[in-house]
Amino acid sequence: MLTQEFDQQTERYLTDILSYENTTSDELLKSLIHDRWLSLQAELPAPYKRINHKQAIAEFIRRKYAQPVNREVFLAQ
């Protein structure tokens, strides 16, 4: 469990955000961390990006069954 103490101003901000978004501090923190992680992924050079293998496999299958595939042409893409 993460415990964090904030100054009074930050506490007010947090209270306002939680009230406005009707969420818990846990859910807000998860969302903020996820959003920040996504923004970092966009900033990373290509070799450091995480490859989503499921998406790559799904795209391969979609291409394969959409039309006959010429192996040389498909691999060149």
N, C-alpha and C. Protein backbone atom coordinates (compact mmCIF):
# COMPACT_ATOMS: atom_id res chain seq x y z
N MET A 1 0.84 -1.18 0.00
CA MET A 1 0.00 0.00 0.00
C MET A 1 0.88 1.24 0.00
N LEU A 2 0.49 2.19 -0.75
CA LEU A 2 1.22 3.44 -0.87
C LEU A 2 0.61 4.48 0.07
N THR A 3 1.45 5.15 0.82
CA THR A 3 0.98 6.21 1.69
C THR A 3 1.72 7.48 1.34
N GLN A 4 0.97 8.55 1.17
CA GLN A 4 1.58 9.82 0.77
C GLN A 4 0.94 10.95 1.56
N GLU A 5 1.77 11.85 2.07
CA GLU A 5 1.26 13.03 2.75
C GLU A 5 1.45 14.23 1.84
N PHE A 6 0.39 15.06 1.76
CA PHE A 6 0.41 16.24 0.91
C PHE A 6 0.30 17.50 1.75
N ASP A 7 0.74 18.61 1.17
CA ASP A 7 0.52 19.88 1.84
C ASP A 7 -0.98 20.23 1.74
N GLN A 8 -1.39 21.27 2.45
CA GLN A 8 -2.82 21.61 2.50
C GLN A 8 -3.40 21.94 1.13
N GLN A 9 -2.66 22.68 0.33
CA GLN A 9 -3.15 23.06 -0.99
C GLN A 9 -3.37 21.82 -1.88
N THR A 10 -2.41 20.91 -1.85
CA THR A 10 -2.53 19.69 -2.65
C THR A 10 -3.69 18.84 -2.16
N GLU A 11 -3.89 18.79 -0.85
CA GLU A 11 -5.03 18.07 -0.28
C GLU A 11 -6.35 18.64 -0.80
N ARG A 12 -6.44 19.96 -0.88
CA ARG A 12 -7.65 20.59 -1.40
C ARG A 12 -7.85 20.24 -2.87
N TYR A 13 -6.77 20.28 -3.63
CA TYR A 13 -6.86 19.90 -5.04
C TYR A 13 -7.38 18.47 -5.17
N LEU A 14 -6.79 17.58 -4.38
CA LEU A 14 -7.18 16.18 -4.42
C LEU A 14 -8.66 16.01 -4.07
N THR A 15 -9.09 16.66 -3.02
CA THR A 15 -10.49 16.59 -2.61
C THR A 15 -11.42 17.09 -3.70
N ASP A 16 -11.05 18.20 -4.32
CA ASP A 16 -11.86 18.74 -5.41
C ASP A 16 -11.93 17.78 -6.60
N ILE A 17 -10.80 17.22 -6.98
CA ILE A 17 -10.75 16.29 -8.11
C ILE A 17 -11.59 15.05 -7.82
N LEU A 18 -11.43 14.49 -6.63
CA LEU A 18 -12.18 13.28 -6.26
C LEU A 18 -13.68 13.55 -6.26
N SER A 19 -14.05 14.71 -5.77
CA SER A 19 -15.47 15.07 -5.74
C SER A 19 -16.01 15.27 -7.15
N TYR A 20 -15.27 15.98 -7.97
CA TYR A 20 -15.71 16.28 -9.33
C TYR A 20 -15.82 15.01 -10.18
N GLU A 21 -14.84 14.13 -10.05
CA GLU A 21 -14.81 12.91 -10.86
C GLU A 21 -15.55 11.74 -10.21
N ASN A 22 -16.03 11.95 -8.99
CA ASN A 22 -16.78 10.92 -8.27
C ASN A 22 -16.03 9.59 -8.29
N THR A 23 -14.80 9.62 -7.81
CA THR A 23 -13.94 8.44 -7.80
C THR A 23 -13.21 8.34 -6.47
N THR A 24 -12.47 7.26 -6.30
CA THR A 24 -11.66 7.10 -5.09
C THR A 24 -10.24 7.55 -5.38
N SER A 25 -9.49 7.78 -4.33
CA SER A 25 -8.10 8.19 -4.52
C SER A 25 -7.29 7.07 -5.18
N ASP A 26 -7.61 5.82 -4.87
CA ASP A 26 -6.93 4.68 -5.50
C ASP A 26 -7.15 4.67 -7.01
N GLU A 27 -8.41 4.83 -7.42
CA GLU A 27 -8.73 4.82 -8.85
C GLU A 27 -8.11 6.03 -9.56
N LEU A 28 -8.13 7.17 -8.91
CA LEU A 28 -7.51 8.36 -9.50
C LEU A 28 -6.02 8.15 -9.70
N LEU A 29 -5.36 7.62 -8.70
CA LEU A 29 -3.92 7.38 -8.79
C LEU A 29 -3.60 6.37 -9.89
N LYS A 30 -4.38 5.30 -9.98
CA LYS A 30 -4.18 4.32 -11.05
C LYS A 30 -4.32 4.98 -12.42
N SER A 31 -5.34 5.81 -12.55
CA SER A 31 -5.59 6.48 -13.82
C SER A 31 -4.45 7.43 -14.17
N LEU A 32 -3.99 8.20 -13.21
CA LEU A 32 -2.89 9.14 -13.45
C LEU A 32 -1.61 8.41 -13.82
N ILE A 33 -1.33 7.32 -13.13
CA ILE A 33 -0.12 6.54 -13.43
C ILE A 33 -0.23 5.94 -14.83
N HIS A 34 -1.39 5.41 -15.17
CA HIS A 34 -1.58 4.83 -16.50
C HIS A 34 -1.41 5.89 -17.58
N ASP A 35 -2.02 7.06 -17.38
CA ASP A 35 -1.90 8.15 -18.36
C ASP A 35 -0.45 8.58 -18.53
N ARG A 36 0.28 8.68 -17.43
CA ARG A 36 1.69 9.08 -17.50
C ARG A 36 2.51 8.02 -18.21
N TRP A 37 2.22 6.75 -17.91
CA TRP A 37 2.93 5.65 -18.56
C TRP A 37 2.71 5.70 -20.07
N LEU A 38 1.45 5.94 -20.49
CA LEU A 38 1.16 6.03 -21.92
C LEU A 38 1.91 7.19 -22.57
N SER A 39 1.99 8.32 -21.88
CA SER A 39 2.71 9.46 -22.46
C SER A 39 4.20 9.16 -22.57
N LEU A 40 4.75 8.42 -21.63
CA LEU A 40 6.16 8.04 -21.72
C LEU A 40 6.39 7.08 -22.88
N GLN A 41 5.44 6.19 -23.13
CA GLN A 41 5.57 5.25 -24.25
C GLN A 41 5.65 6.00 -25.57
N ALA A 42 4.90 7.09 -25.68
CA ALA A 42 4.92 7.88 -26.91
C ALA A 42 6.25 8.61 -27.09
N GLU A 43 6.93 8.88 -25.99
CA GLU A 43 8.19 9.62 -26.04
C GLU A 43 9.41 8.72 -26.25
N LEU A 44 9.27 7.42 -25.98
CA LEU A 44 10.42 6.51 -26.06
C LEU A 44 10.81 6.23 -27.51
N PRO A 45 12.11 6.07 -27.75
CA PRO A 45 12.55 5.65 -29.08
C PRO A 45 12.00 4.25 -29.38
N ALA A 46 11.83 3.92 -30.63
CA ALA A 46 11.21 2.66 -31.06
C ALA A 46 11.78 1.41 -30.40
N PRO A 47 13.10 1.25 -30.25
CA PRO A 47 13.61 0.00 -29.65
C PRO A 47 13.15 -0.21 -28.20
N TYR A 48 12.76 0.86 -27.50
CA TYR A 48 12.38 0.73 -26.10
C TYR A 48 10.88 0.56 -25.90
N LYS A 49 10.11 0.68 -26.97
CA LYS A 49 8.66 0.53 -26.84
C LYS A 49 8.32 -0.94 -26.63
N ARG A 50 7.31 -1.14 -25.82
CA ARG A 50 6.85 -2.50 -25.54
C ARG A 50 5.99 -2.96 -26.72
N ILE A 51 6.29 -4.15 -27.22
CA ILE A 51 5.55 -4.68 -28.35
C ILE A 51 4.32 -5.42 -27.83
N ASN A 52 3.18 -5.11 -28.42
CA ASN A 52 1.96 -5.80 -28.04
C ASN A 52 1.79 -7.00 -28.98
N HIS A 53 2.21 -8.15 -28.49
CA HIS A 53 2.22 -9.36 -29.31
C HIS A 53 0.81 -9.80 -29.73
N LYS A 54 -0.16 -9.63 -28.84
CA LYS A 54 -1.52 -10.03 -29.18
C LYS A 54 -2.04 -9.22 -30.36
N GLN A 55 -1.76 -7.92 -30.37
CA GLN A 55 -2.20 -7.09 -31.49
C GLN A 55 -1.49 -7.50 -32.77
N ALA A 56 -0.22 -7.80 -32.69
CA ALA A 56 0.54 -8.20 -33.88
C ALA A 56 -0.01 -9.51 -34.44
N ILE A 57 -0.33 -10.46 -33.57
CA ILE A 57 -0.88 -11.73 -34.02
C ILE A 57 -2.26 -11.53 -34.63
N ALA A 58 -3.09 -10.72 -33.98
CA ALA A 58 -4.44 -10.44 -34.50
C ALA A 58 -4.36 -9.79 -35.87
N GLU A 59 -3.45 -8.86 -36.04
CA GLU A 59 -3.29 -8.20 -37.34
C GLU A 59 -2.83 -9.20 -38.40
N PHE A 60 -1.93 -10.08 -38.03
CA PHE A 60 -1.46 -11.11 -38.96
C PHE A 60 -2.63 -11.99 -39.41
N ILE A 61 -3.45 -12.41 -38.46
CA ILE A 61 -4.59 -13.28 -38.79
C ILE A 61 -5.60 -12.54 -39.66
N ARG A 62 -5.88 -11.27 -39.34
CA ARG A 62 -6.79 -10.47 -40.17
C ARG A 62 -6.29 -10.38 -41.60
N ARG A 63 -5.01 -10.11 -41.75
CA ARG A 63 -4.43 -10.01 -43.09
C ARG A 63 -4.48 -11.35 -43.82
N LYS A 64 -4.18 -12.41 -43.08
CA LYS A 64 -4.12 -13.74 -43.69
C LYS A 64 -5.47 -14.16 -44.24
N TYR A 65 -6.53 -13.93 -43.48
CA TYR A 65 -7.84 -14.40 -43.91
C TYR A 65 -8.62 -13.37 -44.73
N ALA A 66 -8.14 -12.17 -44.86
CA ALA A 66 -8.81 -11.15 -45.66
C ALA A 66 -8.66 -11.45 -47.14
N GLN A 67 -7.52 -11.95 -47.53
CA GLN A 67 -7.26 -12.26 -48.93
C GLN A 67 -6.09 -13.23 -49.00
N PRO A 68 -5.93 -13.93 -50.11
CA PRO A 68 -4.76 -14.81 -50.24
C PRO A 68 -3.48 -13.99 -50.08
N VAL A 69 -2.56 -14.55 -49.37
CA VAL A 69 -1.33 -13.82 -49.04
C VAL A 69 -0.15 -14.41 -49.80
N ASN A 70 0.56 -13.53 -50.50
CA ASN A 70 1.82 -13.91 -51.12
C ASN A 70 2.87 -13.73 -50.04
N ARG A 71 3.52 -14.79 -49.63
CA ARG A 71 4.46 -14.76 -48.50
C ARG A 71 5.53 -13.67 -48.65
N GLU A 72 6.11 -13.53 -49.81
CA GLU A 72 7.17 -12.52 -50.02
C GLU A 72 6.61 -11.11 -49.86
N VAL A 73 5.42 -10.88 -50.39
CA VAL A 73 4.80 -9.55 -50.29
C VAL A 73 4.45 -9.24 -48.84
N PHE A 74 3.89 -10.23 -48.13
CA PHE A 74 3.49 -10.01 -46.74
C PHE A 74 4.69 -9.70 -45.85
N LEU A 75 5.76 -10.46 -46.02
CA LEU A 75 6.95 -10.25 -45.19
C LEU A 75 7.65 -8.93 -45.52
N ALA A 76 7.47 -8.42 -46.71
CA ALA A 76 8.11 -7.15 -47.11
C ALA A 76 7.41 -5.95 -46.48
N GLN A 77 6.20 -6.14 -45.98
CA GLN A 77 5.43 -5.01 -45.41
C GLN A 77 5.95 -4.58 -44.09
